[in-house]
Amino acid sequence: MGMRVERGTALLATLYANAHSSNDGYKLTDFAPYHDEPAMTLEQAMEQWE
């Protein structure tokens, strides 16, 4: 149950931060340190390496 509360709170914090920032650069994992960041896709990796 604790992880669900953390995820819900992190989601609300992400929505609030993105609504009040100019760059929309916040992700759920920025506010939920115990959740793993999703794996990068091949297309995302190729974009970053260019």
PDB file of N, CA and C in Angstrom:
ATOM      1  N   MET A   1       0.819  -1.186   0.000  1.00  0.00           N
ATOM      2  CA  MET A   1       0.000   0.000   0.000  1.00  0.00           C
ATOM      3  C   MET A   1       0.870   1.259   0.000  1.00  0.00           C
ATOM      4  N   GLY A   2       2.010   1.204   0.640  1.00  0.00           N
ATOM      5  CA  GLY A   2       2.888   2.368   0.703  1.00  0.00           C
ATOM      6  C   GLY A   2       3.388   2.806  -0.655  1.00  0.00           C
ATOM      7  N   MET A   3       3.689   1.843  -1.517  1.00  0.00           N
ATOM      8  CA  MET A   3       4.187   2.187  -2.852  1.00  0.00           C
ATOM      9  C   MET A   3       3.088   2.846  -3.686  1.00  0.00           C
ATOM     10  N   ARG A   4       1.835   2.451  -3.489  1.00  0.00           N
ATOM     11  CA  ARG A   4       0.731   3.082  -4.212  1.00  0.00           C
ATOM     12  C   ARG A   4       0.560   4.525  -3.773  1.00  0.00           C
ATOM     13  N   VAL A   5       0.695   4.763  -2.476  1.00  0.00           N
ATOM     14  CA  VAL A   5       0.591   6.130  -1.966  1.00  0.00           C
ATOM     15  C   VAL A   5       1.739   6.972  -2.518  1.00  0.00           C
ATOM     16  N   GLU A   6       2.952   6.404  -2.511  1.00  0.00           N
ATOM     17  CA  GLU A   6       4.099   7.133  -3.042  1.00  0.00           C
ATOM     18  C   GLU A   6       3.912   7.448  -4.517  1.00  0.00           C
ATOM     19  N   ARG A   7       3.442   6.486  -5.286  1.00  0.00           N
ATOM     20  CA  ARG A   7       3.249   6.708  -6.716  1.00  0.00           C
ATOM     21  C   ARG A   7       2.182   7.766  -6.981  1.00  0.00           C
ATOM     22  N   GLY A   8       1.089   7.708  -6.230  1.00  0.00           N
ATOM     23  CA  GLY A   8       0.032   8.699  -6.399  1.00  0.00           C
ATOM     24  C   GLY A   8       0.499  10.097  -6.039  1.00  0.00           C
ATOM     25  N   THR A   9       1.228  10.218  -4.946  1.00  0.00           N
ATOM     26  CA  THR A   9       1.756  11.513  -4.530  1.00  0.00           C
ATOM     27  C   THR A   9       2.771  12.026  -5.548  1.00  0.00           C
ATOM     28  N   ALA A  10       3.609  11.146  -6.051  1.00  0.00           N
ATOM     29  CA  ALA A  10       4.599  11.539  -7.053  1.00  0.00           C
ATOM     30  C   ALA A  10       3.917  11.986  -8.345  1.00  0.00           C
ATOM     31  N   LEU A  11       2.836  11.324  -8.715  1.00  0.00           N
ATOM     32  CA  LEU A  11       2.099  11.705  -9.919  1.00  0.00           C
ATOM     33  C   LEU A  11       1.518  13.106  -9.762  1.00  0.00           C
ATOM     34  N   LEU A  12       0.921  13.385  -8.608  1.00  0.00           N
ATOM     35  CA  LEU A  12       0.373  14.721  -8.365  1.00  0.00           C
ATOM     36  C   LEU A  12       1.478  15.776  -8.365  1.00  0.00           C
ATOM     37  N   ALA A  13       2.616  15.463  -7.756  1.00  0.00           N
ATOM     38  CA  ALA A  13       3.735  16.404  -7.732  1.00  0.00           C
ATOM     39  C   ALA A  13       4.272  16.647  -9.144  1.00  0.00           C
ATOM     40  N   THR A  14       4.317  15.612  -9.965  1.00  0.00           N
ATOM     41  CA  THR A  14       4.785  15.755 -11.343  1.00  0.00           C
ATOM     42  C   THR A  14       3.846  16.634 -12.148  1.00  0.00           C
ATOM     43  N   LEU A  15       2.550  16.392 -12.013  1.00  0.00           N
ATOM     44  CA  LEU A  15       1.568  17.204 -12.732  1.00  0.00           C
ATOM     45  C   LEU A  15       1.652  18.670 -12.307  1.00  0.00           C
ATOM     46  N   TYR A  16       1.767  18.906 -11.011  1.00  0.00           N
ATOM     47  CA  TYR A  16       1.863  20.275 -10.505  1.00  0.00           C
ATOM     48  C   TYR A  16       3.141  20.958 -11.001  1.00  0.00           C
ATOM     49  N   ALA A  17       4.264  20.258 -10.912  1.00  0.00           N
ATOM     50  CA  ALA A  17       5.542  20.840 -11.331  1.00  0.00           C
ATOM     51  C   ALA A  17       5.547  21.145 -12.825  1.00  0.00           C
ATOM     52  N   ASN A  18       5.007  20.247 -13.639  1.00  0.00           N
ATOM     53  CA  ASN A  18       4.976  20.478 -15.080  1.00  0.00           C
ATOM     54  C   ASN A  18       3.997  21.586 -15.453  1.00  0.00           C
ATOM     55  N   ALA A  19       2.917  21.745 -14.679  1.00  0.00           N
ATOM     56  CA  ALA A  19       1.957  22.807 -14.960  1.00  0.00           C
ATOM     57  C   ALA A  19       2.538  24.181 -14.635  1.00  0.00           C
ATOM     58  N   HIS A  20       3.434  24.236 -13.658  1.00  0.00           N
ATOM     59  CA  HIS A  20       3.975  25.509 -13.223  1.00  0.00           C
ATOM     60  C   HIS A  20       5.422  25.738 -13.641  1.00  0.00           C
ATOM     61  N   SER A  21       5.925  24.947 -14.562  1.00  0.00           N
ATOM     62  CA  SER A  21       7.276  25.174 -15.068  1.00  0.00           C
ATOM     63  C   SER A  21       7.203  25.474 -16.558  1.00  0.00           C
ATOM     64  N   SER A  22       8.240  26.059 -17.067  1.00  0.00           N
ATOM     65  CA  SER A  22       8.227  26.453 -18.474  1.00  0.00           C
ATOM     66  C   SER A  22       8.750  25.357 -19.405  1.00  0.00           C
ATOM     67  N   ASN A  23       9.434  24.349 -18.857  1.00  0.00           N
ATOM     68  CA  ASN A  23      10.053  23.364 -19.748  1.00  0.00           C
ATOM     69  C   ASN A  23       9.400  21.984 -19.714  1.00  0.00           C
ATOM     70  N   ASP A  24       8.470  21.710 -18.809  1.00  0.00           N
ATOM     71  CA  ASP A  24       7.803  20.402 -18.710  1.00  0.00           C
ATOM     72  C   ASP A  24       8.801  19.250 -18.672  1.00  0.00           C
ATOM     73  N   GLY A  25       9.885  19.415 -17.950  1.00  0.00           N
ATOM     74  CA  GLY A  25      10.934  18.419 -17.952  1.00  0.00           C
ATOM     75  C   GLY A  25      10.903  17.452 -16.788  1.00  0.00           C
ATOM     76  N   TYR A  26       9.851  17.449 -15.985  1.00  0.00           N
ATOM     77  CA  TYR A  26       9.803  16.564 -14.830  1.00  0.00           C
ATOM     78  C   TYR A  26       9.140  15.236 -15.197  1.00  0.00           C
ATOM     79  N   LYS A  27       9.660  14.162 -14.600  1.00  0.00           N
ATOM     80  CA  LYS A  27       9.107  12.822 -14.814  1.00  0.00           C
ATOM     81  C   LYS A  27       8.663  12.264 -13.471  1.00  0.00           C
ATOM     82  N   LEU A  28       7.879  11.238 -13.494  1.00  0.00           N
ATOM     83  CA  LEU A  28       7.392  10.608 -12.276  1.00  0.00           C
ATOM     84  C   LEU A  28       8.543  10.137 -11.404  1.00  0.00           C
ATOM     85  N   THR A  29       9.594   9.639 -12.008  1.00  0.00           N
ATOM     86  CA  THR A  29      10.723   9.111 -11.243  1.00  0.00           C
ATOM     87  C   THR A  29      11.520  10.207 -10.537  1.00  0.00           C
ATOM     88  N   ASP A  30      11.314  11.471 -10.909  1.00  0.00           N
ATOM     89  CA  ASP A  30      11.966  12.565 -10.201  1.00  0.00           C
ATOM     90  C   ASP A  30      11.402  12.724  -8.792  1.00  0.00           C
ATOM     91  N   PHE A  31      10.159  12.350  -8.604  1.00  0.00           N
ATOM     92  CA  PHE A  31       9.493  12.513  -7.313  1.00  0.00           C
ATOM     93  C   PHE A  31       9.253  11.193  -6.592  1.00  0.00           C
ATOM     94  N   ALA A  32       9.549  10.083  -7.223  1.00  0.00           N
ATOM     95  CA  ALA A  32       9.384   8.761  -6.609  1.00  0.00           C
ATOM     96  C   ALA A  32      10.709   8.014  -6.714  1.00  0.00           C
ATOM     97  N   PRO A  33      11.611   8.214  -5.767  1.00  0.00           N
ATOM     98  CA  PRO A  33      12.953   7.645  -5.900  1.00  0.00           C
ATOM     99  C   PRO A  33      13.000   6.116  -5.856  1.00  0.00           C
ATOM    100  N   TYR A  34      11.983   5.466  -5.316  1.00  0.00           N
ATOM    101  CA  TYR A  34      12.011   4.004  -5.232  1.00  0.00           C
ATOM    102  C   TYR A  34      11.452   3.324  -6.471  1.00  0.00           C
ATOM    103  N   HIS A  35      10.927   4.089  -7.394  1.00  0.00           N
ATOM    104  CA  HIS A  35      10.440   3.525  -8.649  1.00  0.00           C
ATOM    105  C   HIS A  35      11.561   3.588  -9.681  1.00  0.00           C
ATOM    106  N   ASP A  36      11.729   2.520 -10.411  1.00  0.00           N
ATOM    107  CA  ASP A  36      12.769   2.470 -11.438  1.00  0.00           C
ATOM    108  C   ASP A  36      12.336   3.261 -12.658  1.00  0.00           C
ATOM    109  N   GLU A  37      13.309   3.904 -13.277  1.00  0.00           N
ATOM    110  CA  GLU A  37      13.029   4.615 -14.514  1.00  0.00           C
ATOM    111  C   GLU A  37      12.859   3.587 -15.634  1.00  0.00           C
ATOM    112  N   PRO A  38      11.883   3.775 -16.522  1.00  0.00           N
ATOM    113  CA  PRO A  38      11.681   2.801 -17.599  1.00  0.00           C
ATOM    114  C   PRO A  38      12.911   2.693 -18.498  1.00  0.00           C
ATOM    115  N   ALA A  39      13.088   1.528 -19.053  1.00  0.00           N
ATOM    116  CA  ALA A  39      14.236   1.291 -19.934  1.00  0.00           C
ATOM    117  C   ALA A  39      14.127   2.150 -21.185  1.00  0.00           C
ATOM    118  N   MET A  40      15.274   2.552 -21.694  1.00  0.00           N
ATOM    119  CA  MET A  40      15.326   3.393 -22.879  1.00  0.00           C
ATOM    120  C   MET A  40      15.097   2.531 -24.127  1.00  0.00           C
ATOM    121  N   THR A  41      14.308   3.046 -25.055  1.00  0.00           N
ATOM    122  CA  THR A  41      14.085   2.324 -26.306  1.00  0.00           C
ATOM    123  C   THR A  41      15.261   2.569 -27.249  1.00  0.00           C
ATOM    124  N   LEU A  42      15.336   1.784 -28.276  1.00  0.00           N
ATOM    125  CA  LEU A  42      16.417   1.928 -29.251  1.00  0.00           C
ATOM    126  C   LEU A  42      16.361   3.289 -29.925  1.00  0.00           C
ATOM    127  N   GLU A  43      15.164   3.752 -30.250  1.00  0.00           N
ATOM    128  CA  GLU A  43      15.017   5.053 -30.902  1.00  0.00           C
ATOM    129  C   GLU A  43      15.481   6.195 -29.985  1.00  0.00           C
ATOM    130  N   GLN A  44      15.154   6.109 -28.703  1.00  0.00           N
ATOM    131  CA  GLN A  44      15.593   7.134 -27.761  1.00  0.00           C
ATOM    132  C   GLN A  44      17.114   7.121 -27.621  1.00  0.00           C
ATOM    133  N   ALA A  45      17.692   5.955 -27.581  1.00  0.00           N
ATOM    134  CA  ALA A  45      19.153   5.849 -27.467  1.00  0.00           C
ATOM    135  C   ALA A  45      19.834   6.433 -28.691  1.00  0.00           C
ATOM    136  N   MET A  46      19.311   6.150 -29.857  1.00  0.00           N
ATOM    137  CA  MET A  46      19.902   6.677 -31.092  1.00  0.00           C
ATOM    138  C   MET A  46      19.798   8.206 -31.140  1.00  0.00           C
ATOM    139  N   GLU A  47      18.680   8.764 -30.622  1.00  0.00           N
ATOM    140  CA  GLU A  47      18.529  10.215 -30.574  1.00  0.00           C
ATOM    141  C   GLU A  47      19.569  10.844 -29.668  1.00  0.00           C
ATOM    142  N   GLN A  48      19.834  10.229 -28.531  1.00  0.00           N
ATOM    143  CA  GLN A  48      20.787  10.789 -27.586  1.00  0.00           C
ATOM    144  C   GLN A  48      22.231  10.678 -28.080  1.00  0.00           C
ATOM    145  N   TRP A  49      22.528   9.694 -28.863  1.00  0.00           N
ATOM    146  CA  TRP A  49      23.898   9.478 -29.318  1.00  0.00           C
ATOM    147  C   TRP A  49      24.270  10.364 -30.492  1.00  0.00           C
ATOM    148  N   GLU A  50      23.299  10.991 -31.128  1.00  0.00           N
ATOM    149  CA  GLU A  50      23.593  11.837 -32.289  1.00  0.00           C
ATOM    150  C   GLU A  50      24.209  13.135 -31.900  1.00  0.00           C
TER     151      GLU A  50
END
